[in-house]
Protein backbone atom coordinates (compact mmCIF):
# COMPACT_ATOMS: atom_id res chain seq x y z
CA MET A 1 -0.14 0.05 -0.03
CA ARG A 2 1.08 3.62 -0.56
CA GLU A 3 -0.22 7.06 -0.06
CA LEU A 4 -1.45 8.60 -3.37
CA VAL A 5 -2.62 11.98 -4.35
CA PHE A 6 -5.49 11.95 -6.96
CA HIS A 7 -7.99 14.37 -8.49
CA LEU A 8 -11.74 13.65 -8.84
CA GLY A 9 -14.31 15.55 -10.89
CA ILE A 10 -17.81 15.80 -9.55
CA GLY A 11 -20.90 16.85 -11.27
CA ALA A 12 -24.81 16.76 -11.11
CA ASN A 13 -27.85 18.31 -12.76
CA LEU A 14 -30.81 16.59 -11.19
CA ASP A 15 -32.92 17.35 -7.95
CA ASP A 16 -30.84 19.75 -5.87
CA PRO A 17 -27.43 19.40 -7.53
CA VAL A 18 -25.56 21.86 -5.28
CA ALA A 19 -26.74 20.14 -2.14
CA THR A 20 -25.88 16.72 -3.73
CA LEU A 21 -22.37 17.74 -4.57
CA ALA A 22 -21.77 19.09 -1.03
CA GLU A 23 -23.05 15.95 0.46
CA ALA A 24 -20.72 13.97 -1.92
CA VAL A 25 -17.70 15.90 -0.68
CA VAL A 26 -18.62 15.00 2.86
CA ALA A 27 -19.27 11.32 1.82
CA LEU A 28 -15.88 11.07 0.11
CA ALA A 29 -14.10 12.43 3.37
CA HIS A 30 -15.78 9.77 5.31
CA ILE A 31 -14.31 6.89 3.33
CA PRO A 32 -11.75 5.33 5.61
CA GLY A 33 -8.19 6.22 4.70
CA TRP A 34 -9.35 8.94 2.30
CA ASN A 35 -8.74 12.68 2.93
CA VAL A 36 -10.23 15.53 0.84
CA GLU A 37 -7.32 17.94 0.74
CA GLN A 38 -8.84 20.65 -1.51
CA VAL A 39 -12.34 21.52 -2.91
CA SER A 40 -12.64 23.83 -5.85
CA PRO A 41 -15.09 26.56 -6.30
CA LEU A 42 -18.42 25.39 -7.80
CA TYR A 43 -19.07 26.00 -11.42
CA ARG A 44 -22.40 26.14 -13.36
CA THR A 45 -21.60 24.60 -16.73
CA THR A 46 -23.34 23.80 -20.03
CA PRO A 47 -24.04 20.31 -20.86
CA VAL A 48 -21.70 18.40 -23.29
CA GLY A 49 -22.92 15.79 -25.78
CA LEU A 50 -26.59 15.75 -24.98
CA VAL A 51 -27.39 19.47 -24.71
CA ASP A 52 -31.19 19.14 -24.20
CA GLN A 53 -31.01 18.84 -20.43
CA PRO A 54 -30.56 21.14 -17.25
CA GLU A 55 -27.27 22.86 -16.69
CA PHE A 56 -24.72 21.09 -14.58
CA PHE A 57 -22.83 22.06 -11.56
CA ASN A 58 -19.29 20.89 -11.30
CA ALA A 59 -16.29 20.90 -8.91
CA ALA A 60 -12.94 19.23 -8.50
CA LEU A 61 -11.32 17.67 -5.55
CA GLN A 62 -7.80 16.93 -4.58
CA MET A 63 -7.75 13.63 -2.51
CA ARG A 64 -5.05 11.75 -0.61
CA ALA A 65 -5.55 7.98 0.21
CA THR A 66 -3.78 4.89 1.02
CA LEU A 67 -4.19 2.66 -2.00
CA PRO A 68 -2.59 -0.44 -3.57
CA GLU A 69 1.00 -0.18 -4.70
CA GLU A 70 0.03 -1.40 -8.26
CA PRO A 71 -1.25 1.52 -10.37
CA ALA A 72 -4.21 -0.43 -12.03
CA ALA A 73 -5.27 -1.78 -8.60
CA ALA A 74 -5.20 1.70 -7.25
CA ALA A 75 -7.27 3.06 -10.02
CA VAL A 76 -9.75 0.12 -9.76
CA GLU A 77 -10.20 0.90 -6.03
CA VAL A 78 -10.83 4.63 -6.61
CA LEU A 79 -13.22 3.87 -9.42
CA THR A 80 -15.17 1.22 -7.48
CA ARG A 81 -15.60 3.50 -4.47
CA ALA A 82 -16.70 6.45 -6.68
CA LYS A 83 -19.29 4.22 -8.48
CA GLU A 84 -20.58 2.83 -5.16
CA LEU A 85 -20.99 6.40 -4.00
CA GLU A 86 -22.90 7.34 -7.06
CA ARG A 87 -25.30 4.46 -6.59
CA LEU A 88 -25.72 5.39 -2.94
CA PHE A 89 -26.88 8.88 -4.11
CA GLY A 90 -29.42 7.44 -6.37
CA ARG A 91 -27.60 7.29 -9.73
CA VAL A 92 -28.99 4.70 -12.22
CA PRO A 93 -27.33 4.04 -15.58
CA THR A 94 -28.88 6.15 -18.33
CA VAL A 95 -27.84 7.42 -21.72
CA ARG A 96 -24.22 8.51 -22.20
CA PHE A 97 -23.85 12.30 -21.34
CA GLY A 98 -27.40 12.29 -19.97
CA PRO A 99 -28.78 13.94 -16.89
CA ARG A 100 -27.53 12.54 -13.57
CA ARG A 101 -27.94 12.93 -9.93
CA LEU A 102 -24.21 12.52 -9.25
CA ASP A 103 -21.27 11.86 -11.39
CA ILE A 104 -17.72 11.17 -9.97
CA ASP A 105 -14.80 10.72 -12.37
CA ILE A 106 -11.09 10.11 -11.82
CA ILE A 107 -9.29 12.97 -13.56
CA ALA A 108 -5.78 12.10 -12.68
CA MET A 109 -3.62 10.13 -10.15
CA GLU A 110 -0.16 11.71 -9.90
CA GLU A 111 2.00 10.39 -12.73
CA ILE A 112 -0.01 7.31 -13.20
CA ALA A 113 -1.17 6.26 -16.57
CA VAL A 114 -3.48 3.22 -16.64
CA VAL A 115 -5.50 1.52 -19.30
CA HIS A 116 -7.32 -1.46 -17.60
CA PRO A 117 -10.48 -3.56 -18.13
CA ARG A 118 -13.41 -1.73 -16.43
CA PRO A 119 -14.55 -3.93 -13.47
CA HIS A 120 -18.04 -5.19 -13.49
CA GLY A 121 -20.42 -2.96 -11.57
CA THR A 122 -18.53 0.29 -12.27
CA GLU A 123 -20.57 1.40 -15.38
CA SER A 124 -22.18 4.73 -15.42
CA ASP A 125 -24.17 4.14 -18.68
CA GLY A 126 -24.65 1.34 -21.03
CA ALA A 127 -21.65 2.30 -23.11
CA ASP A 128 -19.19 1.93 -20.22
CA ALA A 129 -19.18 -1.77 -20.08
CA ASP A 130 -17.27 -1.84 -23.49
CA ARG A 131 -14.83 0.96 -22.43
CA PRO A 132 -11.70 0.38 -20.39
CA LEU A 133 -10.74 2.32 -17.23
CA VAL A 134 -8.42 4.98 -18.44
CA VAL A 135 -6.48 7.30 -16.12
CA PRO A 136 -5.95 10.08 -16.63
CA HIS A 137 -9.47 10.62 -17.78
CA PRO A 138 -9.10 10.57 -21.68
CA ALA A 139 -11.35 13.65 -22.24
CA ALA A 140 -10.44 15.82 -19.21
CA ALA A 141 -7.89 17.90 -20.97
CA GLU A 142 -10.59 18.93 -23.56
CA ARG A 143 -13.45 19.73 -21.20
CA LEU A 144 -13.89 23.16 -19.65
CA PHE A 145 -16.29 21.83 -17.03
CA VAL A 146 -13.39 19.74 -15.79
CA LEU A 147 -10.38 22.11 -16.27
CA ALA A 148 -12.02 25.23 -14.83
CA PRO A 149 -12.47 23.82 -11.26
CA LEU A 150 -9.30 21.73 -11.55
CA ALA A 151 -7.16 24.69 -12.46
CA ASP A 152 -8.36 26.57 -9.35
CA ILE A 153 -6.94 23.93 -6.99
CA SER A 154 -4.08 22.49 -9.00
CA PRO A 155 -3.09 24.93 -11.63
CA ALA A 156 0.32 23.29 -12.27
CA LEU A 157 -1.02 19.76 -12.57
CA LYS A 158 0.22 18.10 -15.78
CA ALA A 159 -1.12 14.70 -16.01
CA PRO A 160 0.54 12.03 -18.34
CA GLY A 161 -0.40 12.63 -21.94
CA TRP A 162 -1.53 16.28 -21.40
CA HIS A 163 0.07 18.91 -23.53
CA GLY A 164 -0.07 21.51 -20.85
CA THR A 165 -0.90 22.25 -17.28
CA ALA A 166 -4.44 22.39 -15.90
CA ARG A 167 -4.29 26.23 -16.05
CA GLU A 168 -2.87 26.30 -19.67
CA LEU A 169 -5.46 23.80 -20.88
CA ARG A 170 -8.22 25.71 -18.99
CA ASP A 171 -7.24 28.88 -20.80
CA VAL A 172 -7.31 27.06 -24.22
CA GLN A 173 -10.71 25.57 -23.64
CA ARG A 174 -12.17 28.79 -22.26
CA ARG A 175 -11.25 30.49 -25.57
CA ALA A 176 -12.74 27.61 -27.51
CA GLU A 177 -16.00 27.14 -25.50
CA GLY A 178 -16.54 30.66 -24.20
CA GLU A 179 -16.63 32.16 -20.77
CA ALA A 180 -20.36 31.22 -20.32
CA ALA A 181 -19.65 27.53 -20.68
CA ALA A 182 -18.28 27.44 -17.04
CA LEU A 183 -19.26 30.15 -14.64
CA CYS A 184 -17.93 30.13 -11.10
CA VAL A 185 -20.94 30.37 -8.69
CA GLY A 186 -19.55 29.77 -5.25
CA ALA A 187 -16.54 29.01 -3.13
CA TRP A 188 -16.23 26.04 -0.76
CA ASP A 189 -16.67 26.93 2.88
CA GLN A 190 -14.95 24.26 4.90
CA ALA A 191 -16.65 25.20 8.14
CA ALA A 192 -20.21 25.06 6.64
CA LEU A 193 -19.31 22.10 4.28
CA ARG A 194 -20.98 23.74 1.29
CA TRP A 195 -20.43 26.26 -1.40
CA VAL A 196 -21.31 29.92 -0.61
């Protein structure tokens, strides 16, 4: 086992998404051996892929946890815990890019690069069963809803395969998608355990 820093992206657009995301941060902090080191500001973001749905709210977290030494095993453990939490919050598999009560994705895990068969039970939608677990997230460097909050907490992060830091990639995507695609709507208040 070893201590590992990793980054998660969280998002939601159903029911009360802001409250759901705050509850998810607290739930992640209560996983034994996991610590939430940083919570980004909250962003209201435009949907990607399937655009006829409510706006999303997104944030990024820097986590530290004791995980298996082997990179694929560490990634599988993080993914399994994330998907268990999604189900606990009422997420059911739907269409890809569709509305969701809670979405938790692994953005990056230090310098780890993993492509591994996706474990049974970790699917978020029907298409996931055929896609491997890939770390860093294969689309993170091209999505403003991921990069905007990530750059706020880890601007110098440069995951394997990325052609720039989180801040540099955010700036490129902001120019491509426009400022309105990801608007900061609140800062994390650690004492209140919510965004204000």
